[in-house]
Amino acid sequence: MNELKDTVSFYKKDEFLEKVAAFNVIRNEAIHKMRKSNLDEISGRLRYMKVLFDNIFELYDEIQDDFRITFHSFRKDVFFDEYGPENE
């Protein structure tokens, strides 16, 4: 996540990073409490984590759609086609 924070900007990046960080905290807590919790408590946490994960995945899907729209007509190596050695 730290690398993603410090690199490319994209649509809803901050929201995505916030949700993933929150999910990670809950995931870590659930793992550490597994030995001390009863099965009902663990099941409740896991159901909650599934809802959060699904929410993150929907957001990711929305972000990915935005990337597709943004780059749908981008040609690979366009820089070299227009400014490459043979055009100098």
Protein backbone atom coordinates (compact mmCIF):
# COMPACT_ATOMS: atom_id res chain seq x y z
CA MET A 1 0.00 0.00 0.00
CA ASN A 2 2.84 2.40 0.72
CA GLU A 3 4.14 2.07 -2.82
CA LEU A 4 0.68 2.74 -4.21
CA LYS A 5 0.35 5.85 -2.00
CA ASP A 6 3.57 7.29 -3.41
CA THR A 7 3.00 6.50 -7.07
CA VAL A 8 0.39 7.08 -9.74
CA SER A 9 -2.75 9.07 -9.00
CA PHE A 10 -6.08 7.72 -10.12
CA TYR A 11 -9.83 8.10 -9.71
CA LYS A 12 -10.91 7.43 -6.10
CA LYS A 13 -7.36 6.51 -5.01
CA ASP A 14 -7.74 8.02 -1.51
CA GLU A 15 -11.04 6.25 -0.89
CA PHE A 16 -9.57 2.95 -2.05
CA LEU A 17 -6.49 3.27 0.17
CA GLU A 18 -8.61 4.22 3.20
CA LYS A 19 -10.89 1.22 2.77
CA VAL A 20 -8.01 -1.21 2.24
CA ALA A 21 -6.20 0.14 5.32
CA ALA A 22 -9.35 -0.22 7.45
CA PHE A 23 -9.90 -3.75 6.14
CA ASN A 24 -6.29 -4.64 6.95
CA VAL A 25 -6.68 -3.47 10.56
CA ILE A 26 -9.81 -5.58 11.01
CA ARG A 27 -8.15 -8.56 9.31
CA ASN A 28 -5.15 -8.35 11.63
CA GLU A 29 -7.38 -8.06 14.70
CA ALA A 30 -9.44 -11.07 13.61
CA ILE A 31 -6.36 -13.22 13.07
CA HIS A 32 -4.85 -12.28 16.44
CA LYS A 33 -8.11 -12.86 18.32
CA MET A 34 -8.86 -16.24 16.75
CA ARG A 35 -7.24 -18.19 19.55
CA LYS A 36 -9.04 -16.21 22.24
CA SER A 37 -12.50 -15.95 20.66
CA ASN A 38 -15.38 -18.34 20.37
CA LEU A 39 -16.68 -19.60 17.05
CA ASP A 40 -19.71 -17.28 16.99
CA GLU A 41 -17.56 -14.20 17.49
CA ILE A 42 -15.13 -15.31 14.78
CA SER A 43 -18.01 -16.03 12.38
CA GLY A 44 -19.44 -12.56 12.96
CA ARG A 45 -16.10 -10.91 12.31
CA LEU A 46 -15.56 -12.93 9.15
CA ARG A 47 -19.02 -12.04 7.82
CA TYR A 48 -18.26 -8.37 8.47
CA MET A 49 -14.89 -8.74 6.73
CA LYS A 50 -16.63 -10.30 3.72
CA VAL A 51 -18.93 -7.27 3.44
CA LEU A 52 -15.93 -4.93 3.63
CA PHE A 53 -14.02 -6.99 1.07
CA ASP A 54 -16.97 -6.96 -1.33
CA ASN A 55 -17.21 -3.19 -0.92
CA ILE A 56 -13.49 -2.81 -1.71
CA PHE A 57 -13.83 -5.09 -4.73
CA GLU A 58 -16.74 -3.02 -6.10
CA LEU A 59 -14.66 0.12 -5.70
CA TYR A 60 -11.69 -1.58 -7.39
CA ASP A 61 -13.96 -2.58 -10.27
CA GLU A 62 -15.12 1.03 -10.63
CA ILE A 63 -11.50 2.24 -10.61
CA GLN A 64 -10.53 -0.36 -13.21
CA ASP A 65 -13.43 0.73 -15.44
CA ASP A 66 -12.15 4.30 -15.22
CA PHE A 67 -8.68 3.13 -16.31
CA ARG A 68 -10.20 1.29 -19.26
CA ILE A 69 -12.13 4.37 -20.35
CA THR A 70 -9.12 6.64 -19.88
CA PHE A 71 -6.69 4.44 -21.83
CA HIS A 72 -9.01 2.72 -24.31
CA SER A 73 -7.50 4.46 -27.33
CA PHE A 74 -3.95 4.75 -26.08
CA ARG A 75 -1.54 3.10 -28.50
CA LYS A 76 1.46 1.19 -27.22
CA ASP A 77 4.77 2.92 -27.92
CA VAL A 78 3.12 6.01 -29.38
CA PHE A 79 6.10 8.06 -28.24
CA PHE A 80 8.46 5.95 -30.32
CA ASP A 81 6.15 6.01 -33.33
CA GLU A 82 6.14 9.80 -33.37
CA TYR A 83 9.54 10.65 -31.94
CA GLY A 84 11.65 7.54 -32.50
CA PRO A 85 15.10 7.41 -34.13
CA GLU A 86 13.78 7.13 -37.69
CA ASN A 87 11.91 10.45 -37.32
CA GLU A 88 14.86 12.49 -36.09
